[in-house]
Amino acid sequence: MPTIQLPDRLPLATLPTPLQPADRLRAALGGANCPRILIKRDDLTGLALGGNKARKLEFLIADALKQGANVVVTTGAVQSNHARMTAAAARAAGLDVVLILTADGSNPPVQGNLLLDRLFGATIYYIPPPADPLLATSDVEEAKVAEVLQELRSRGQRPYFIPVGGSSAIGVFGYVTGTLEMVEQLRSMGEPPTRLYYASGSRGTQAGLTLGAKIHAAPFAVYGVAVSGGESFKKERALRIANEAATIAGVTTRLTEDDLVTDQRYIGAGYGIATSECLEAIRLLASTEGILLDPVYTAKAMAGLIDHVRRGEVDAGTTVVFLHTGGVPALFAHAEVIAGVS
């Protein structure tokens, strides 16, 4: 494997996270007629109830400190896992934090991730959600970010902006290193899985996983399940930041569009809107493995995996990995919908 040059890193996550078999889930999906399923537990990274963003934030917050920032600014939906974990990471590093969140109205219910944002003492601005429910971002968001950054600078503060989902070249290193962790665990287990399933949103995770898989000669294909629309510009973003990260890392590896695979079939009515299939996935994993999924990200990805198994799109004689990217606090913001699951 090539030697890669890593940016500065601030320890924030509890690593390595477990990679564990989901044998009872497999039995519920057909036993020997279902591929072996392993779950990579990045919901257990520790920071602010865990999640995949902790890996990215180790590099992003370190970069903010290196640049002399004293306040971190980021964006997301009102129940954004990324915003919640960014607020915690900023506080752990002694930085202030400003969140620009999309919400219906200026007084959304203080529950789930938003409750934790408040506990971390984040300054919060609310903006209207995108007109297109399939999308998670809008031009309004971009304008508000520019306004907030200008206001902070005018007050003599030194802001560091983190794009939605931590999707930047520096953030990519979270899963370049996370992929190496998985590859080493799989090697020690003697497991060569054919696919790695994960929830694909802003595409920073996709960029890191796919670049990491190429650099570290992973045995699996990286297979994203989309949770929101905007495939064309999101693929472009993933390609750009992955290749920028490769340059920083000092490796010759580069991605092409063909390397980026994202299944669009499980988005449903839009971002953050639960589907019947994702609600089934929540119930099934909770009742078989005692593991919680969230209705925005991980449950849609698991719904994709389950559907692929039932359709025979993955061979029963193989092994697949499901990357659990966290998001449990969002369960409490969707209580009425989830309570209807029987």
Protein backbone atom coordinates (compact mmCIF):
# COMPACT_ATOMS: atom_id res chain seq x y z
CA MET A 1 0.00 0.00 0.00
CA PRO A 2 1.29 3.50 -0.76
CA THR A 3 2.42 5.84 1.98
CA ILE A 4 -0.01 8.76 2.21
CA GLN A 5 0.53 12.19 3.70
CA LEU A 6 -2.23 13.03 6.17
CA PRO A 7 -3.30 16.54 7.20
CA ASP A 8 -3.22 17.48 10.88
CA ARG A 9 -5.59 15.40 12.98
CA LEU A 10 -7.27 16.08 16.33
CA PRO A 11 -8.41 12.93 18.19
CA LEU A 12 -12.18 13.18 18.67
CA ALA A 13 -13.53 9.70 17.89
CA THR A 14 -13.34 6.40 19.76
CA LEU A 15 -11.52 4.23 17.23
CA PRO A 16 -11.43 1.62 15.87
CA THR A 17 -15.16 0.99 15.81
CA PRO A 18 -16.40 -2.62 15.85
CA LEU A 19 -17.06 -4.64 12.71
CA GLN A 20 -19.60 -7.25 13.73
CA PRO A 21 -21.68 -9.98 12.08
CA ALA A 22 -25.46 -9.52 11.85
CA ASP A 23 -26.37 -13.20 11.94
CA ARG A 24 -29.92 -12.74 13.26
CA LEU A 25 -30.68 -10.17 10.57
CA ARG A 26 -29.31 -12.62 8.02
CA ALA A 27 -31.57 -15.37 9.40
CA ALA A 28 -34.59 -13.06 9.10
CA LEU A 29 -33.69 -12.39 5.46
CA GLY A 30 -33.39 -16.03 4.47
CA GLY A 31 -30.39 -17.49 6.27
CA ALA A 32 -28.26 -19.43 3.81
CA ASN A 33 -30.13 -17.73 0.96
CA CYS A 34 -28.88 -14.34 2.17
CA PRO A 35 -25.29 -13.08 1.96
CA ARG A 36 -23.33 -12.83 5.19
CA ILE A 37 -23.80 -9.30 6.59
CA LEU A 38 -21.22 -7.41 8.63
CA ILE A 39 -22.04 -4.06 10.24
CA LYS A 40 -19.31 -1.45 10.69
CA ARG A 41 -20.43 0.38 13.82
CA ASP A 42 -19.51 3.99 13.12
CA ASP A 43 -22.58 4.90 15.16
CA LEU A 44 -20.22 4.15 18.08
CA THR A 45 -17.56 6.79 17.41
CA GLY A 46 -18.48 8.38 20.73
CA LEU A 47 -18.57 12.11 20.00
CA ALA A 48 -22.02 13.56 20.81
CA LEU A 49 -23.74 10.14 20.60
CA GLY A 50 -21.58 9.01 17.69
CA GLY A 51 -21.73 8.91 13.92
CA ASN A 52 -19.55 9.02 10.83
CA LYS A 53 -18.92 12.77 10.99
CA ALA A 54 -16.51 12.30 13.90
CA ARG A 55 -13.94 10.87 11.49
CA LYS A 56 -14.14 13.88 9.18
CA LEU A 57 -14.19 16.36 12.05
CA GLU A 58 -10.88 15.05 13.40
CA PHE A 59 -9.26 16.54 10.30
CA LEU A 60 -11.57 19.53 9.82
CA ILE A 61 -11.30 20.86 13.36
CA ALA A 62 -7.53 20.32 13.29
CA ASP A 63 -7.42 22.39 10.11
CA ALA A 64 -9.54 25.11 11.74
CA LEU A 65 -7.09 25.30 14.64
CA LYS A 66 -4.12 25.33 12.26
CA GLN A 67 -5.63 28.31 10.46
CA GLY A 68 -6.16 30.20 13.71
CA ALA A 69 -9.96 30.10 13.64
CA ASN A 70 -11.96 30.83 16.76
CA VAL A 71 -15.44 29.97 15.43
CA VAL A 72 -16.70 27.19 13.19
CA VAL A 73 -19.63 27.71 10.82
CA THR A 74 -21.57 24.94 9.08
CA THR A 75 -24.96 24.14 7.59
CA GLY A 76 -27.55 21.39 7.49
CA ALA A 77 -31.16 20.46 8.03
CA VAL A 78 -32.74 21.21 11.39
CA GLN A 79 -32.13 17.58 12.40
CA SER A 80 -28.65 17.46 10.89
CA ASN A 81 -26.32 14.86 12.42
CA HIS A 82 -23.39 16.75 10.94
CA ALA A 83 -24.43 20.01 12.64
CA ARG A 84 -24.86 18.28 16.01
CA MET A 85 -21.43 16.64 15.82
CA THR A 86 -19.73 19.78 14.50
CA ALA A 87 -21.09 21.72 17.47
CA ALA A 88 -19.70 19.12 19.87
CA ALA A 89 -16.34 18.92 18.10
CA ALA A 90 -15.97 22.71 18.10
CA ARG A 91 -16.67 22.86 21.83
CA ALA A 92 -14.21 20.03 22.50
CA ALA A 93 -11.56 22.11 20.73
CA GLY A 94 -12.45 25.35 22.55
CA LEU A 95 -14.09 26.98 19.52
CA ASP A 96 -17.41 28.79 19.15
CA VAL A 97 -19.90 27.39 16.67
CA VAL A 98 -22.57 28.83 14.37
CA LEU A 99 -25.13 26.61 12.66
CA ILE A 100 -27.28 27.61 9.68
CA LEU A 101 -30.18 25.16 9.62
CA THR A 102 -33.10 24.70 7.25
CA ALA A 103 -36.44 24.54 9.04
CA ASP A 104 -40.15 25.09 8.44
CA GLY A 105 -40.62 28.29 10.42
CA SER A 106 -38.37 30.13 12.86
CA ASN A 107 -39.33 28.13 15.96
CA PRO A 108 -38.92 24.40 15.21
CA PRO A 109 -39.49 21.86 18.01
CA VAL A 110 -36.40 21.56 20.22
CA GLN A 111 -35.91 17.82 20.05
CA GLY A 112 -33.47 15.26 18.67
CA ASN A 113 -30.35 16.78 17.15
CA LEU A 114 -31.61 20.33 17.63
CA LEU A 115 -31.86 19.81 21.37
CA LEU A 116 -28.21 18.76 21.42
CA ASP A 117 -27.21 21.75 19.26
CA ARG A 118 -28.77 23.98 21.92
CA LEU A 119 -26.99 22.12 24.74
CA PHE A 120 -23.65 22.69 23.00
CA GLY A 121 -24.42 26.40 22.98
CA ALA A 122 -24.42 26.85 19.23
CA THR A 123 -25.60 30.11 17.71
CA ILE A 124 -28.35 29.03 15.32
CA TYR A 125 -29.84 30.74 12.26
CA TYR A 126 -32.90 29.26 10.54
CA ILE A 127 -33.53 29.49 6.81
CA PRO A 128 -36.37 28.03 4.69
CA PRO A 129 -35.90 24.49 3.34
CA PRO A 130 -35.31 23.97 -0.40
CA ALA A 131 -38.40 24.19 -2.59
CA ASP A 132 -37.51 20.78 -4.04
CA PRO A 133 -38.00 18.17 -1.26
CA LEU A 134 -35.50 15.86 -2.95
CA LEU A 135 -32.67 18.30 -2.25
CA ALA A 136 -30.97 19.12 1.05
CA THR A 137 -29.42 22.48 0.09
CA SER A 138 -30.40 25.69 -1.76
CA ASP A 139 -29.15 29.07 -3.03
CA VAL A 140 -30.71 30.66 0.06
CA GLU A 141 -28.28 28.67 2.19
CA GLU A 142 -25.27 29.85 0.20
CA ALA A 143 -26.34 33.49 0.59
CA LYS A 144 -26.88 33.10 4.34
CA VAL A 145 -23.47 31.52 4.79
CA ALA A 146 -21.82 34.46 3.02
CA GLU A 147 -23.78 36.91 5.19
CA VAL A 148 -22.85 35.15 8.45
CA LEU A 149 -19.16 34.84 7.54
CA GLN A 150 -19.02 38.53 6.66
CA GLU A 151 -20.74 39.49 9.91
CA LEU A 152 -18.34 37.40 11.99
CA ARG A 153 -15.29 38.88 10.26
CA SER A 154 -16.64 42.41 10.75
CA ARG A 155 -16.69 41.70 14.50
CA GLY A 156 -13.04 40.65 14.42
CA GLN A 157 -13.72 36.93 14.63
CA ARG A 158 -11.90 34.30 12.57
CA PRO A 159 -14.47 31.88 11.13
CA TYR A 160 -13.73 28.51 9.57
CA PHE A 161 -16.45 27.27 7.24
CA ILE A 162 -17.21 23.55 6.98
CA PRO A 163 -19.38 22.64 3.95
CA VAL A 164 -22.56 20.64 4.44
CA GLY A 165 -21.77 17.14 5.63
CA GLY A 166 -18.10 17.98 6.08
CA SER A 167 -17.76 17.43 2.33
CA SER A 168 -14.39 18.99 1.56
CA ALA A 169 -10.97 17.72 0.54
CA ILE A 170 -9.83 17.80 4.18
CA GLY A 171 -12.98 15.99 5.32
CA VAL A 172 -12.33 13.23 2.77
CA PHE A 173 -9.45 11.98 4.93
CA GLY A 174 -11.93 10.80 7.55
CA TYR A 175 -12.86 7.85 5.38
CA VAL A 176 -9.55 7.45 3.60
CA THR A 177 -8.26 6.47 7.04
CA GLY A 178 -11.56 4.80 7.99
CA THR A 179 -11.31 2.54 4.96
CA LEU A 180 -7.84 1.40 5.99
CA GLU A 181 -9.28 0.55 9.40
CA MET A 182 -11.97 -1.58 7.75
CA VAL A 183 -9.53 -3.29 5.37
CA GLU A 184 -7.31 -4.30 8.29
CA GLN A 185 -10.28 -5.61 10.28
CA LEU A 186 -11.56 -7.62 7.32
CA ARG A 187 -8.12 -9.08 6.72
CA SER A 188 -7.86 -10.20 10.36
CA MET A 189 -11.33 -11.78 10.08
CA GLY A 190 -10.51 -13.53 6.80
CA GLU A 191 -13.50 -11.82 5.16
CA PRO A 192 -13.38 -10.53 1.54
CA PRO A 193 -16.78 -8.79 1.11
CA THR A 194 -18.02 -7.90 -2.35
CA ARG A 195 -19.86 -4.69 -1.43
CA LEU A 196 -19.85 -1.92 1.14
CA TYR A 197 -23.30 -0.33 1.56
CA TYR A 198 -23.73 3.13 3.09
CA ALA A 199 -26.13 6.10 3.09
CA SER A 200 -25.04 8.64 0.47
CA GLY A 201 -26.00 12.26 1.16
CA SER A 202 -23.67 15.21 0.59
CA ARG A 203 -21.06 12.77 -0.81
CA GLY A 204 -18.10 13.52 1.44
CA THR A 205 -18.32 10.00 2.81
CA GLN A 206 -18.58 8.64 -0.73
CA ALA A 207 -15.44 10.52 -1.75
CA GLY A 208 -13.47 9.23 1.23
CA LEU A 209 -14.66 5.64 0.99
CA THR A 210 -14.10 5.39 -2.76
CA LEU A 211 -10.68 7.03 -2.71
CA GLY A 212 -9.74 4.98 0.36
CA ALA A 213 -10.86 1.76 -1.33
CA LYS A 214 -8.62 2.49 -4.32
CA ILE A 215 -5.60 3.54 -2.27
CA HIS A 216 -5.82 0.64 0.17
CA ALA A 217 -6.86 -2.05 -2.36
CA ALA A 218 -10.12 -2.81 -0.56
CA PRO A 219 -11.76 -6.12 -1.55
CA PHE A 220 -15.20 -4.52 -1.85
CA ALA A 221 -17.03 -2.22 -4.25
CA VAL A 222 -18.29 0.97 -2.60
CA TYR A 223 -22.07 1.10 -3.07
CA GLY A 224 -23.97 4.19 -1.99
CA VAL A 225 -27.71 4.39 -1.42
CA ALA A 226 -28.91 7.95 -2.05
CA VAL A 227 -31.02 9.70 0.61
CA SER A 228 -31.57 12.91 -1.39
CA GLY A 229 -31.53 14.10 -4.99
CA GLY A 230 -29.07 16.21 -6.96
CA GLU A 231 -27.03 13.33 -8.33
CA SER A 232 -25.24 15.26 -11.07
CA PHE A 233 -23.79 18.07 -8.94
CA LYS A 234 -23.17 15.75 -5.98
CA LYS A 235 -21.18 13.34 -8.14
CA GLU A 236 -19.19 16.30 -9.42
CA ARG A 237 -18.53 17.41 -5.82
CA ALA A 238 -17.41 13.93 -4.75
CA LEU A 239 -15.07 13.61 -7.71
CA ARG A 240 -13.56 17.04 -7.13
CA ILE A 241 -12.91 16.74 -3.40
CA ALA A 242 -11.64 13.15 -3.69
CA ASN A 243 -9.05 14.12 -6.27
CA GLU A 244 -8.09 17.24 -4.32
CA ALA A 245 -7.55 14.98 -1.31
CA ALA A 246 -5.42 12.62 -3.41
CA THR A 247 -3.19 15.56 -4.31
CA ILE A 248 -2.85 16.54 -0.64
CA ALA A 249 -2.09 12.89 0.22
CA GLY A 250 0.70 12.81 -2.35
CA VAL A 251 -0.63 9.74 -4.17
CA THR A 252 -1.12 9.20 -7.90
CA THR A 253 -4.52 7.53 -7.41
CA ARG A 254 -7.41 9.43 -8.99
CA LEU A 255 -11.15 8.75 -9.23
CA THR A 256 -13.32 8.94 -12.33
CA GLU A 257 -17.10 9.26 -12.54
CA ASP A 258 -17.36 5.50 -13.12
CA ASP A 259 -15.93 4.87 -9.64
CA LEU A 260 -18.85 6.65 -7.95
CA VAL A 261 -21.88 4.38 -7.63
CA THR A 262 -25.07 5.67 -6.01
CA ASP A 263 -28.42 3.85 -6.14
CA GLN A 264 -31.25 6.39 -6.51
CA ARG A 265 -34.17 3.98 -5.96
CA TYR A 266 -34.70 4.40 -2.22
CA ILE A 267 -35.00 8.18 -1.70
CA GLY A 268 -38.79 8.12 -1.63
CA ALA A 269 -40.68 11.44 -1.51
CA GLY A 270 -37.61 13.41 -0.48
CA TYR A 271 -34.80 14.10 1.95
CA GLY A 272 -35.75 13.44 5.56
CA ILE A 273 -39.12 11.89 4.58
CA ALA A 274 -39.40 8.33 5.84
CA THR A 275 -40.44 5.56 3.45
CA SER A 276 -42.34 2.40 4.40
CA GLU A 277 -39.24 0.39 3.45
CA CYS A 278 -36.97 2.38 5.75
CA LEU A 279 -39.44 2.05 8.61
CA GLU A 280 -39.41 -1.71 8.07
CA ALA A 281 -35.59 -1.62 8.17
CA ILE A 282 -35.66 0.23 11.50
CA ARG A 283 -37.98 -2.38 13.01
CA LEU A 284 -36.10 -5.33 11.55
CA LEU A 285 -32.62 -4.33 12.71
CA ALA A 286 -33.88 -3.29 16.15
CA SER A 287 -35.77 -6.54 16.67
CA THR A 288 -33.05 -8.84 15.35
CA GLU A 289 -29.80 -7.18 16.41
CA GLY A 290 -30.76 -4.52 18.98
CA ILE A 291 -29.21 -1.87 16.71
CA LEU A 292 -30.95 1.43 15.99
CA LEU A 293 -31.15 3.09 12.58
CA ASP A 294 -32.39 6.58 11.76
CA PRO A 295 -35.15 7.33 9.20
CA VAL A 296 -33.16 9.99 7.30
CA TYR A 297 -29.95 8.15 6.39
CA THR A 298 -29.12 4.68 7.66
CA ALA A 299 -32.61 3.17 7.40
CA LYS A 300 -32.87 4.12 3.72
CA ALA A 301 -29.46 2.56 3.09
CA MET A 302 -30.46 -0.60 4.94
CA ALA A 303 -33.74 -0.66 3.00
CA GLY A 304 -31.65 -0.72 -0.16
CA LEU A 305 -29.53 -3.61 1.10
CA ILE A 306 -32.61 -5.58 2.18
CA ASP A 307 -34.30 -5.04 -1.18
CA HIS A 308 -31.17 -6.15 -3.02
CA VAL A 309 -31.11 -9.34 -0.97
CA ARG A 310 -34.76 -10.06 -1.68
CA ARG A 311 -34.33 -9.37 -5.40
CA GLY A 312 -31.23 -11.54 -5.60
CA GLU A 313 -29.04 -8.60 -6.63
CA VAL A 314 -26.30 -9.81 -4.29
CA ASP A 315 -25.14 -13.42 -4.33
CA ALA A 316 -26.06 -15.51 -1.28
CA GLY A 317 -22.57 -16.99 -1.21
CA THR A 318 -20.88 -13.64 -0.61
CA THR A 319 -20.34 -11.21 2.26
CA VAL A 320 -21.42 -7.56 2.36
CA VAL A 321 -20.61 -4.77 4.82
CA PHE A 322 -23.12 -2.18 6.00
CA LEU A 323 -21.52 1.04 7.22
CA HIS A 324 -23.68 2.33 10.07
CA THR A 325 -23.10 6.08 9.96
CA GLY A 326 -25.13 6.93 13.07
CA GLY A 327 -27.97 9.43 13.39
CA VAL A 328 -29.85 7.96 16.34
CA PRO A 329 -30.94 11.36 17.81
CA ALA A 330 -33.14 11.90 14.73
CA LEU A 331 -35.32 8.97 15.85
CA PHE A 332 -36.84 11.19 18.54
CA ALA A 333 -37.77 13.87 16.03
CA HIS A 334 -39.72 11.32 13.96
CA ALA A 335 -41.42 9.61 16.91
CA GLU A 336 -44.98 9.70 15.55
CA VAL A 337 -44.03 8.13 12.23
CA ILE A 338 -41.80 5.50 13.83
CA ALA A 339 -44.36 4.68 16.54
CA GLY A 340 -46.67 3.57 13.76
CA VAL A 341 -44.29 0.76 12.85
CA SER A 342 -45.67 -2.56 14.04
